[in-house]
Amino acid sequence: MPLNDLDERLNKILEKVTSDGFLGGQGLGNEVPFYAFDYLPQDEEKVREHTRFLQGAIVKRRPELRVAFINLFELMIEILKKRGKLELSIEMQAKKGDEYMLKALKAPLDAGKVAKELVDRYPLSAFDLLVINGVGSAYPLIRTHNLLNNLQPLMGETPLVVFYPGLYDGQSLKLFGQMGEKPYYRAFRLVS
C-alpha cells in the first residue's frame, strides 16, 4: 500500500475525527475505536505541522469536543521526571551506553505503566478523543504495539488516534517502514 498522496490523506482527517459517526464508533461493531494514521518517516515534520493545525481546527469545527493531544515522548520524559529518574537516565546513558540505559528503563517505562499514566493524566470522562504522536521519538523505550495492547482494556469507547511514522497494513505495525513490531490487529487505518 503506497503512501503517495500525504496531503490528500491529511486533508481527510479533520472531517473524519469530527464526524458523529467516528466519535460514536459507528460501523465498528464491538471493536475498540483505535485508529492509526501511518506515514513515511521522512514526512514527520509535515505531519507534526498538521497535528498542530488540527488542535485549532477541531475546536473551531466542534467547540464542544474535548480532545487531548498527547506527545508520547514528552509523556515518557514527564514520567521519568516524576519518578526522579530523568537526570540519572541521562548520566547512565553517557557513562554506560544505550543498551544499559534501555535495560534500566524497562521497568519504569513498562507499557502497562505508561498506559495507566496516560489514562490517569487524561481521564476518559474528560475527553471525547485522544490523539497520540511522538511514537517515533519514544522508540525503543516504548513500543507502539505494547502501548496499544495495554491501552485497549482501559479506553472503553473513547476513540484513540495514533500518528505512526511507518506502515500499518491493518494487521501489523512497521515502525519507520522497516522494523516489524508484533502484529496488532485491533486498529483501523484512520484514512486511506
Protein backbone atom coordinates (compact mmCIF):
# COMPACT_ATOMS: atom_id res chain seq x y z
CA MET A 1 0.00 0.00 0.00
CA PRO A 2 1.82 3.11 -1.16
CA LEU A 3 1.52 6.28 0.85
CA ASN A 4 1.78 8.50 -2.19
CA ASP A 5 -0.56 11.39 -1.51
CA LEU A 6 0.07 12.54 2.03
CA ASP A 7 -1.62 15.91 1.56
CA GLU A 8 -4.83 14.28 0.39
CA ARG A 9 -4.82 11.91 3.37
CA LEU A 10 -4.01 14.70 5.86
CA ASN A 11 -6.87 16.78 4.48
CA LYS A 12 -9.34 13.97 5.25
CA ILE A 13 -8.50 13.81 8.96
CA LEU A 14 -10.45 16.84 10.23
CA GLU A 15 -13.69 15.75 8.59
CA LYS A 16 -13.26 12.20 9.84
CA VAL A 17 -12.41 12.87 13.51
CA THR A 18 -15.15 15.48 13.95
CA SER A 19 -17.91 13.36 12.43
CA ASP A 20 -20.63 11.97 14.66
CA GLY A 21 -20.13 8.50 13.18
CA PHE A 22 -16.46 8.44 14.08
CA LEU A 23 -16.99 9.79 17.60
CA GLY A 24 -19.86 7.37 18.19
CA GLY A 25 -17.97 4.34 16.92
CA GLN A 26 -20.47 3.62 14.16
CA GLY A 27 -19.57 0.76 11.87
CA LEU A 28 -17.09 -0.79 14.30
CA GLY A 29 -19.30 -3.49 15.74
CA ASN A 30 -17.76 -4.28 19.10
CA GLU A 31 -14.23 -3.36 18.04
CA VAL A 32 -12.06 -0.96 20.00
CA PRO A 33 -12.11 2.54 18.44
CA PHE A 34 -8.35 2.70 17.79
CA TYR A 35 -7.09 4.30 14.59
CA ALA A 36 -3.64 4.63 13.06
CA PHE A 37 -2.55 7.32 10.65
CA ASP A 38 0.57 5.87 9.08
CA TYR A 39 3.01 7.95 7.09
CA LEU A 40 6.53 7.78 5.76
CA PRO A 41 9.16 8.78 8.34
CA GLN A 42 10.56 11.48 6.07
CA ASP A 43 7.17 13.22 6.30
CA GLU A 44 7.44 13.62 10.09
CA GLU A 45 7.72 17.42 10.08
CA LYS A 46 4.75 17.82 7.74
CA VAL A 47 2.63 15.53 9.94
CA ARG A 48 3.69 17.39 13.10
CA GLU A 49 2.66 20.65 11.47
CA HIS A 50 -0.69 19.15 10.55
CA THR A 51 -1.32 17.88 14.09
CA ARG A 52 -0.69 21.43 15.35
CA PHE A 53 -3.20 22.67 12.76
CA LEU A 54 -5.72 20.05 13.92
CA GLN A 55 -5.56 21.28 17.51
CA GLY A 56 -7.08 24.59 16.49
CA ALA A 57 -9.23 23.35 13.61
CA ILE A 58 -11.07 20.75 15.70
CA VAL A 59 -12.01 23.39 18.28
CA LYS A 60 -13.30 25.72 15.55
CA ARG A 61 -15.36 22.99 13.91
CA ARG A 62 -16.66 21.32 17.09
CA PRO A 63 -16.12 23.65 20.09
CA GLU A 64 -17.80 21.18 22.44
CA LEU A 65 -15.41 18.38 21.52
CA ARG A 66 -12.86 17.62 24.23
CA VAL A 67 -9.63 16.40 22.61
CA ALA A 68 -6.30 15.56 24.24
CA PHE A 69 -3.20 15.76 22.04
CA ILE A 70 -0.51 13.64 23.69
CA ASN A 71 3.13 13.52 22.65
CA LEU A 72 4.30 10.07 23.76
CA PHE A 73 7.95 11.12 24.00
CA GLU A 74 7.07 14.11 26.21
CA LEU A 75 4.85 11.88 28.37
CA MET A 76 7.77 9.48 28.78
CA ILE A 77 10.04 12.36 29.86
CA GLU A 78 7.41 13.56 32.35
CA ILE A 79 7.09 10.05 33.81
CA LEU A 80 10.86 9.84 34.29
CA LYS A 81 10.94 13.33 35.89
CA LYS A 82 8.08 12.44 38.22
CA ARG A 83 9.95 9.34 39.37
CA GLY A 84 13.26 11.22 39.73
CA LYS A 85 14.90 9.12 37.03
CA LEU A 86 15.43 11.55 34.13
CA GLU A 87 18.80 13.01 35.14
CA LEU A 88 20.02 9.62 36.30
CA SER A 89 19.00 8.11 32.96
CA ILE A 90 20.91 10.75 31.01
CA GLU A 91 24.02 10.20 33.13
CA MET A 92 23.65 6.41 32.83
CA GLN A 93 23.40 6.61 29.05
CA ALA A 94 26.52 8.79 28.84
CA LYS A 95 28.56 6.53 31.13
CA LYS A 96 27.32 3.04 30.30
CA GLY A 97 25.70 3.34 26.87
CA ASP A 98 22.34 2.86 25.25
CA GLU A 99 21.85 -0.84 25.95
CA TYR A 100 22.42 -0.43 29.68
CA MET A 101 20.05 2.53 29.83
CA LEU A 102 17.36 0.64 27.89
CA LYS A 103 17.52 -2.25 30.35
CA ALA A 104 17.40 0.11 33.33
CA LEU A 105 14.35 1.97 31.98
CA LYS A 106 12.43 -1.14 31.00
CA ALA A 107 10.55 -1.28 34.33
CA PRO A 108 9.73 2.44 34.82
CA LEU A 109 8.62 2.75 31.19
CA ASP A 110 6.77 -0.55 31.01
CA ALA A 111 3.91 -0.19 28.51
CA GLY A 112 1.33 -1.09 31.16
CA LYS A 113 2.59 1.64 33.47
CA VAL A 114 2.72 4.18 30.65
CA ALA A 115 -0.83 3.27 29.58
CA LYS A 116 -2.11 3.70 33.14
CA GLU A 117 -0.28 7.02 33.50
CA LEU A 118 -1.77 8.20 30.20
CA VAL A 119 -5.37 7.49 31.22
CA ASP A 120 -4.73 8.93 34.70
CA ARG A 121 -3.45 12.19 33.19
CA TYR A 122 -6.15 12.27 30.52
CA PRO A 123 -9.24 10.82 32.23
CA LEU A 124 -11.60 9.34 29.70
CA SER A 125 -14.55 11.03 31.39
CA ALA A 126 -12.97 14.38 30.50
CA PHE A 127 -12.20 13.67 26.81
CA ASP A 128 -14.08 12.63 23.68
CA LEU A 129 -10.94 11.80 21.69
CA LEU A 130 -7.26 11.10 22.41
CA VAL A 131 -4.61 11.79 19.77
CA ILE A 132 -1.10 10.40 20.23
CA ASN A 133 2.00 11.46 18.33
CA GLY A 134 5.71 11.29 19.12
CA VAL A 135 5.84 7.50 18.93
CA GLY A 136 8.92 7.51 16.70
CA SER A 137 10.81 9.67 19.20
CA ALA A 138 9.80 7.37 22.06
CA TYR A 139 11.17 4.27 20.31
CA PRO A 140 12.77 1.97 21.51
CA LEU A 141 11.87 2.94 25.08
CA ILE A 142 8.16 2.49 24.37
CA ARG A 143 6.88 0.29 21.57
CA THR A 144 3.59 1.26 19.98
CA HIS A 145 2.07 -2.22 19.78
CA ASN A 146 2.73 -2.81 23.50
CA LEU A 147 1.22 0.54 24.43
CA LEU A 148 -1.89 -0.06 22.31
CA ASN A 149 -2.35 -3.55 23.75
CA ASN A 150 -2.17 -2.11 27.26
CA LEU A 151 -4.50 0.79 26.46
CA GLN A 152 -7.18 -1.43 24.96
CA PRO A 153 -8.78 -2.57 28.24
CA LEU A 154 -8.54 0.95 29.69
CA MET A 155 -10.02 3.05 26.87
CA GLY A 156 -13.62 1.95 26.74
CA GLU A 157 -15.48 3.65 23.89
CA THR A 158 -13.20 6.70 23.66
CA PRO A 159 -11.62 6.90 20.19
CA LEU A 160 -7.83 6.95 20.01
CA VAL A 161 -5.80 8.13 17.02
CA VAL A 162 -2.09 7.32 16.77
CA PHE A 163 0.11 9.14 14.28
CA TYR A 164 2.55 6.43 13.26
CA PRO A 165 5.81 7.06 11.36
CA GLY A 166 5.84 3.80 9.47
CA LEU A 167 3.44 1.41 7.86
CA TYR A 168 0.24 -0.09 9.16
CA ASP A 169 -1.42 -2.59 6.85
CA GLY A 170 -4.37 -3.34 9.11
CA GLN A 171 -2.60 -6.26 10.75
CA SER A 172 0.91 -5.25 11.70
CA LEU A 173 2.91 -2.15 12.51
CA LYS A 174 6.28 -1.49 10.88
CA LEU A 175 7.96 1.44 12.58
CA PHE A 176 9.90 3.61 10.14
CA GLY A 177 8.67 1.23 7.41
CA GLN A 178 11.38 -1.27 8.32
CA MET A 179 11.17 -2.57 11.87
CA GLY A 180 8.50 -5.19 12.24
CA GLU A 181 6.66 -4.94 15.50
CA LYS A 182 4.39 -7.70 16.71
CA PRO A 183 1.07 -7.91 14.91
CA TYR A 184 -1.57 -5.51 16.12
CA TYR A 185 -4.98 -6.32 14.68
CA ARG A 186 -7.21 -4.03 16.69
CA ALA A 187 -6.65 -0.69 14.99
CA PHE A 188 -8.23 0.68 11.85
CA ARG A 189 -6.49 2.93 9.34
CA LEU A 190 -7.78 6.43 10.01
CA VAL A 191 -7.90 7.43 6.33
CA SER A 192 -6.69 5.79 3.15
